[in-house]
Amino acid sequence: MSDEEEAQLEEGEEEEEQEPVECKLTEQLCGDSLSLLCKIGNGLSHAYIKMDLHGKTLTDISIISAFVHVRYLDLSNNKTGFIIITASLTHLLTLKADNNRLTTAALPQMPYLQRASF
């Protein structure tokens, strides 16, 4: 292997180790990722309960706590280093957060959570 090829290989490795560009979750992106309209509460109201955010290269997902009716949340294949789910997501049944750069995951007591994968 020549010196030039080795230099190119080292540059490629350095690029992979760089910090990801910050990509914050927005209300617009949340709205676009909602699906599965269901009855909520006493059955007279409706809300979208599934949020699919996989593969969006997100680094900041703090706005999720505003979507209190979400029951199915897919955050897999993003670049977030932490997941903090607030107590406002009390009806969460499924949380999928595979293939992220997780160092911290904080979940309050969630009585309905059936499946969580990290």
N, C-alpha and C. Protein backbone atom coordinates (compact mmCIF):
# COMPACT_ATOMS: atom_id res chain seq x y z
N MET A 1 0.85 -1.18 0.00
CA MET A 1 0.00 0.00 0.00
C MET A 1 0.90 1.24 0.00
N SER A 2 0.60 2.17 -0.87
CA SER A 2 1.42 3.38 -0.97
C SER A 2 1.07 4.35 0.16
N ASP A 3 1.95 5.34 0.34
CA ASP A 3 1.73 6.35 1.38
C ASP A 3 0.45 7.14 1.11
N GLU A 4 0.16 7.38 -0.15
CA GLU A 4 -1.05 8.13 -0.52
C GLU A 4 -2.32 7.37 -0.15
N GLU A 5 -2.32 6.06 -0.40
CA GLU A 5 -3.48 5.23 -0.06
C GLU A 5 -3.68 5.18 1.45
N GLU A 6 -2.57 5.09 2.21
CA GLU A 6 -2.66 5.05 3.66
C GLU A 6 -3.22 6.37 4.20
N ALA A 7 -2.79 7.49 3.62
CA ALA A 7 -3.28 8.80 4.05
C ALA A 7 -4.79 8.92 3.80
N GLN A 8 -5.25 8.43 2.64
CA GLN A 8 -6.68 8.48 2.33
C GLN A 8 -7.47 7.60 3.28
N LEU A 9 -6.94 6.44 3.63
CA LEU A 9 -7.60 5.54 4.56
C LEU A 9 -7.71 6.18 5.94
N GLU A 10 -6.65 6.84 6.40
CA GLU A 10 -6.68 7.51 7.70
C GLU A 10 -7.67 8.66 7.72
N GLU A 11 -7.75 9.42 6.62
CA GLU A 11 -8.71 10.52 6.52
C GLU A 11 -10.15 10.00 6.61
N GLY A 12 -10.43 8.87 5.97
CA GLY A 12 -11.76 8.27 6.02
C GLY A 12 -12.14 7.85 7.43
N GLU A 13 -11.17 7.31 8.18
CA GLU A 13 -11.43 6.90 9.56
C GLU A 13 -11.71 8.12 10.44
N GLU A 14 -10.98 9.21 10.21
CA GLU A 14 -11.19 10.42 11.00
C GLU A 14 -12.57 11.02 10.74
N GLU A 15 -13.04 10.96 9.50
CA GLU A 15 -14.36 11.50 9.16
C GLU A 15 -15.47 10.73 9.87
N GLU A 16 -15.29 9.41 10.02
CA GLU A 16 -16.31 8.59 10.68
C GLU A 16 -16.42 8.93 12.16
N GLU A 17 -15.30 9.34 12.79
CA GLU A 17 -15.28 9.61 14.22
C GLU A 17 -15.77 11.00 14.58
N GLN A 18 -15.98 11.89 13.61
CA GLN A 18 -16.41 13.25 13.89
C GLN A 18 -17.81 13.25 14.49
N GLU A 19 -18.06 14.28 15.29
CA GLU A 19 -19.38 14.44 15.90
C GLU A 19 -20.41 14.72 14.81
N PRO A 20 -21.62 14.21 14.97
CA PRO A 20 -22.66 14.48 13.97
C PRO A 20 -23.12 15.93 14.03
N VAL A 21 -23.56 16.44 12.91
CA VAL A 21 -24.14 17.77 12.86
C VAL A 21 -25.45 17.73 13.63
N GLU A 22 -25.70 18.73 14.46
CA GLU A 22 -26.90 18.73 15.28
C GLU A 22 -28.14 18.81 14.40
N CYS A 23 -29.05 17.89 14.62
CA CYS A 23 -30.31 17.85 13.88
C CYS A 23 -31.43 17.74 14.92
N LYS A 24 -32.08 18.85 15.18
CA LYS A 24 -33.10 18.92 16.22
C LYS A 24 -34.47 18.53 15.66
N LEU A 25 -35.19 17.76 16.43
CA LEU A 25 -36.55 17.37 16.06
C LEU A 25 -37.47 18.59 16.14
N THR A 26 -38.23 18.83 15.08
CA THR A 26 -39.13 19.98 15.01
C THR A 26 -40.58 19.52 15.05
N GLU A 27 -41.47 20.45 15.31
CA GLU A 27 -42.90 20.13 15.31
C GLU A 27 -43.35 19.68 13.93
N GLN A 28 -42.79 20.28 12.90
CA GLN A 28 -43.15 19.90 11.52
C GLN A 28 -42.78 18.45 11.25
N LEU A 29 -41.57 18.05 11.63
CA LEU A 29 -41.13 16.68 11.43
C LEU A 29 -41.96 15.71 12.27
N CYS A 30 -42.31 16.10 13.48
CA CYS A 30 -43.16 15.27 14.32
C CYS A 30 -44.52 15.07 13.66
N GLY A 31 -45.09 16.15 13.18
CA GLY A 31 -46.40 16.07 12.53
C GLY A 31 -46.37 15.18 11.31
N ASP A 32 -45.29 15.23 10.55
CA ASP A 32 -45.16 14.39 9.35
C ASP A 32 -44.98 12.92 9.70
N SER A 33 -44.50 12.63 10.90
CA SER A 33 -44.21 11.25 11.27
C SER A 33 -45.35 10.58 12.06
N LEU A 34 -46.41 11.31 12.34
CA LEU A 34 -47.54 10.74 13.09
C LEU A 34 -48.47 9.94 12.18
N SER A 35 -49.01 8.86 12.74
CA SER A 35 -49.98 8.04 12.01
C SER A 35 -50.83 7.27 13.03
N LEU A 36 -51.72 6.47 12.56
CA LEU A 36 -52.61 5.61 13.35
C LEU A 36 -53.55 6.42 14.25
N LEU A 37 -54.61 6.89 13.66
CA LEU A 37 -55.62 7.67 14.37
C LEU A 37 -56.49 6.74 15.22
N CYS A 38 -56.59 7.03 16.51
CA CYS A 38 -57.35 6.18 17.44
C CYS A 38 -58.14 7.03 18.42
N LYS A 39 -59.12 6.40 19.04
CA LYS A 39 -59.87 7.05 20.11
C LYS A 39 -58.99 7.13 21.35
N ILE A 40 -59.15 8.20 22.09
CA ILE A 40 -58.38 8.37 23.33
C ILE A 40 -59.32 8.76 24.45
N GLY A 41 -58.84 8.63 25.66
CA GLY A 41 -59.61 9.07 26.83
C GLY A 41 -60.93 8.35 26.95
N ASN A 42 -62.02 9.12 26.96
CA ASN A 42 -63.34 8.54 27.15
C ASN A 42 -63.96 8.03 25.85
N GLY A 43 -63.21 8.06 24.75
CA GLY A 43 -63.69 7.54 23.47
C GLY A 43 -64.35 8.59 22.59
N LEU A 44 -64.46 9.80 23.06
CA LEU A 44 -65.08 10.86 22.27
C LEU A 44 -64.05 11.69 21.50
N SER A 45 -62.79 11.58 21.88
CA SER A 45 -61.71 12.32 21.22
C SER A 45 -60.84 11.37 20.43
N HIS A 46 -60.11 11.91 19.45
CA HIS A 46 -59.20 11.12 18.64
C HIS A 46 -57.84 11.79 18.58
N ALA A 47 -56.79 10.97 18.41
CA ALA A 47 -55.43 11.49 18.27
C ALA A 47 -54.59 10.46 17.51
N TYR A 48 -53.52 10.94 16.88
CA TYR A 48 -52.56 10.04 16.26
C TYR A 48 -51.67 9.49 17.36
N ILE A 49 -51.48 8.17 17.36
CA ILE A 49 -50.77 7.54 18.47
C ILE A 49 -49.45 6.88 18.07
N LYS A 50 -49.10 6.89 16.80
CA LYS A 50 -47.86 6.27 16.36
C LYS A 50 -46.94 7.34 15.77
N MET A 51 -45.69 7.38 16.27
CA MET A 51 -44.70 8.33 15.76
C MET A 51 -43.48 7.55 15.28
N ASP A 52 -43.22 7.62 13.99
CA ASP A 52 -42.11 6.88 13.38
C ASP A 52 -41.03 7.86 12.93
N LEU A 53 -39.95 7.91 13.68
CA LEU A 53 -38.85 8.83 13.41
C LEU A 53 -37.56 8.09 13.09
N HIS A 54 -37.64 6.87 12.61
CA HIS A 54 -36.42 6.11 12.35
C HIS A 54 -35.67 6.66 11.13
N GLY A 55 -34.34 6.67 11.25
CA GLY A 55 -33.47 7.07 10.16
C GLY A 55 -33.48 8.54 9.80
N LYS A 56 -33.81 9.42 10.73
CA LYS A 56 -33.87 10.87 10.46
C LYS A 56 -32.60 11.60 10.88
N THR A 57 -31.58 10.90 11.35
CA THR A 57 -30.30 11.45 11.85
C THR A 57 -30.50 12.51 12.94
N LEU A 58 -31.47 12.29 13.80
CA LEU A 58 -31.78 13.24 14.87
C LEU A 58 -30.77 13.15 16.00
N THR A 59 -30.42 14.31 16.56
CA THR A 59 -29.54 14.36 17.73
C THR A 59 -30.26 14.91 18.96
N ASP A 60 -31.34 15.66 18.77
CA ASP A 60 -32.09 16.25 19.89
C ASP A 60 -33.57 15.94 19.70
N ILE A 61 -34.13 15.19 20.63
CA ILE A 61 -35.53 14.76 20.51
C ILE A 61 -36.38 15.26 21.68
N SER A 62 -35.96 16.33 22.31
CA SER A 62 -36.62 16.80 23.53
C SER A 62 -38.07 17.22 23.33
N ILE A 63 -38.46 17.57 22.13
CA ILE A 63 -39.83 18.04 21.86
C ILE A 63 -40.87 16.90 21.95
N ILE A 64 -40.42 15.68 21.97
CA ILE A 64 -41.35 14.53 21.99
C ILE A 64 -42.30 14.59 23.19
N SER A 65 -41.86 15.15 24.28
CA SER A 65 -42.69 15.18 25.49
C SER A 65 -43.99 15.95 25.30
N ALA A 66 -44.08 16.77 24.26
CA ALA A 66 -45.30 17.53 23.99
C ALA A 66 -46.39 16.67 23.34
N PHE A 67 -46.04 15.50 22.84
CA PHE A 67 -46.99 14.63 22.16
C PHE A 67 -47.46 13.55 23.13
N VAL A 68 -48.38 13.93 24.00
CA VAL A 68 -48.77 13.10 25.14
C VAL A 68 -49.57 11.86 24.78
N HIS A 69 -50.14 11.80 23.59
CA HIS A 69 -50.97 10.65 23.23
C HIS A 69 -50.21 9.56 22.48
N VAL A 70 -48.93 9.75 22.25
CA VAL A 70 -48.14 8.76 21.52
C VAL A 70 -48.04 7.47 22.32
N ARG A 71 -48.35 6.36 21.64
CA ARG A 71 -48.25 5.04 22.27
C ARG A 71 -47.15 4.21 21.67
N TYR A 72 -46.82 4.42 20.40
CA TYR A 72 -45.79 3.67 19.69
C TYR A 72 -44.76 4.67 19.17
N LEU A 73 -43.53 4.56 19.65
CA LEU A 73 -42.49 5.52 19.32
C LEU A 73 -41.26 4.79 18.78
N ASP A 74 -40.89 5.10 17.54
CA ASP A 74 -39.73 4.50 16.90
C ASP A 74 -38.67 5.57 16.67
N LEU A 75 -37.57 5.48 17.41
CA LEU A 75 -36.45 6.41 17.30
C LEU A 75 -35.20 5.72 16.78
N SER A 76 -35.33 4.55 16.19
CA SER A 76 -34.17 3.78 15.77
C SER A 76 -33.42 4.45 14.62
N ASN A 77 -32.15 4.12 14.51
CA ASN A 77 -31.25 4.59 13.45
C ASN A 77 -31.13 6.10 13.39
N ASN A 78 -31.00 6.73 14.54
CA ASN A 78 -30.73 8.16 14.63
C ASN A 78 -29.35 8.35 15.26
N LYS A 79 -29.02 9.56 15.63
CA LYS A 79 -27.70 9.83 16.19
C LYS A 79 -27.78 10.46 17.57
N THR A 80 -28.87 10.24 18.26
CA THR A 80 -29.03 10.84 19.58
C THR A 80 -28.18 10.11 20.61
N GLY A 81 -27.61 10.87 21.53
CA GLY A 81 -26.77 10.29 22.57
C GLY A 81 -27.52 10.04 23.86
N PHE A 82 -28.73 10.58 23.96
CA PHE A 82 -29.51 10.39 25.19
C PHE A 82 -31.00 10.36 24.85
N ILE A 83 -31.72 9.62 25.63
CA ILE A 83 -33.18 9.59 25.52
C ILE A 83 -33.74 9.84 26.89
N ILE A 84 -34.47 10.93 27.00
CA ILE A 84 -35.14 11.25 28.26
C ILE A 84 -36.62 11.37 27.95
N ILE A 85 -37.37 10.39 28.39
CA ILE A 85 -38.82 10.37 28.20
C ILE A 85 -39.44 10.93 29.47
N THR A 86 -40.24 11.95 29.34
CA THR A 86 -40.84 12.56 30.51
C THR A 86 -42.09 11.79 30.94
N ALA A 87 -42.58 12.12 32.09
CA ALA A 87 -43.77 11.46 32.63
C ALA A 87 -45.02 11.82 31.83
N SER A 88 -44.93 12.78 30.92
CA SER A 88 -46.10 13.17 30.13
C SER A 88 -46.50 12.09 29.12
N LEU A 89 -45.59 11.18 28.78
CA LEU A 89 -45.91 10.10 27.84
C LEU A 89 -46.37 8.86 28.61
N THR A 90 -47.42 9.02 29.37
CA THR A 90 -47.87 7.94 30.26
C THR A 90 -48.48 6.76 29.52
N HIS A 91 -48.93 6.95 28.29
CA HIS A 91 -49.60 5.87 27.55
C HIS A 91 -48.67 5.13 26.60
N LEU A 92 -47.36 5.36 26.69
CA LEU A 92 -46.41 4.73 25.79
C LEU A 92 -46.41 3.21 25.98
N LEU A 93 -46.62 2.49 24.88
CA LEU A 93 -46.63 1.02 24.91
C LEU A 93 -45.33 0.44 24.38
N THR A 94 -44.79 1.06 23.33
CA THR A 94 -43.59 0.55 22.66
C THR A 94 -42.60 1.68 22.42
N LEU A 95 -41.35 1.44 22.79
CA LEU A 95 -40.27 2.39 22.54
C LEU A 95 -39.15 1.63 21.85
N LYS A 96 -38.83 2.03 20.63
CA LYS A 96 -37.76 1.40 19.87
C LYS A 96 -36.68 2.45 19.62
N ALA A 97 -35.49 2.22 20.15
CA ALA A 97 -34.39 3.18 20.02
C ALA A 97 -33.09 2.48 19.65
N ASP A 98 -33.15 1.48 18.81
CA ASP A 98 -31.96 0.74 18.38
C ASP A 98 -31.08 1.60 17.48
N ASN A 99 -29.79 1.28 17.44
CA ASN A 99 -28.81 1.91 16.55
C ASN A 99 -28.73 3.42 16.71
N ASN A 100 -28.60 3.87 17.93
CA ASN A 100 -28.34 5.27 18.25
C ASN A 100 -26.99 5.34 18.94
N ARG A 101 -26.56 6.51 19.31
CA ARG A 101 -25.30 6.69 20.04
C ARG A 101 -25.60 6.92 21.51
N LEU A 102 -26.42 6.07 22.07
CA LEU A 102 -26.90 6.27 23.43
C LEU A 102 -25.81 6.11 24.47
N THR A 103 -25.79 7.07 25.39
CA THR A 103 -24.98 6.97 26.58
C THR A 103 -25.87 7.05 27.81
N THR A 104 -27.07 7.62 27.64
CA THR A 104 -28.01 7.78 28.74
C THR A 104 -29.44 7.53 28.26
N ALA A 105 -30.20 6.83 29.05
CA ALA A 105 -31.62 6.66 28.80
C ALA A 105 -32.34 6.75 30.13
N ALA A 106 -33.19 7.74 30.28
CA ALA A 106 -33.92 7.94 31.52
C ALA A 106 -35.41 7.78 31.27
N LEU A 107 -35.99 6.79 31.87
CA LEU A 107 -37.42 6.52 31.72
C LEU A 107 -38.09 6.56 33.08
N PRO A 108 -39.16 7.31 33.22
CA PRO A 108 -39.90 7.28 34.49
C PRO A 108 -40.69 5.97 34.55
N GLN A 109 -41.33 5.74 35.66
CA GLN A 109 -42.18 4.56 35.76
C GLN A 109 -43.31 4.70 34.75
N MET A 110 -43.43 3.72 33.87
CA MET A 110 -44.43 3.76 32.80
C MET A 110 -45.28 2.49 32.91
N PRO A 111 -46.49 2.61 33.42
CA PRO A 111 -47.29 1.43 33.71
C PRO A 111 -47.72 0.63 32.48
N TYR A 112 -47.78 1.24 31.31
CA TYR A 112 -48.27 0.54 30.12
C TYR A 112 -47.16 0.10 29.17
N LEU A 113 -45.92 0.46 29.43
CA LEU A 113 -44.81 0.13 28.54
C LEU A 113 -44.63 -1.38 28.49
N GLN A 114 -44.75 -1.95 27.30
CA GLN A 114 -44.64 -3.40 27.12
C GLN A 114 -43.31 -3.79 26.48
N ARG A 115 -42.77 -2.93 25.62
CA ARG A 115 -41.54 -3.28 24.93
C ARG A 115 -40.67 -2.04 24.76
N ALA A 116 -39.40 -2.19 25.14
CA ALA A 116 -38.42 -1.14 24.95
C ALA A 116 -37.14 -1.79 24.45
N SER A 117 -36.60 -1.30 23.36
CA SER A 117 -35.34 -1.85 22.83
C SER A 117 -34.38 -0.70 22.58
N PHE A 118 -33.14 -0.91 23.04
CA PHE A 118 -32.11 0.13 22.92
C PHE A 118 -30.92 -0.41 22.18
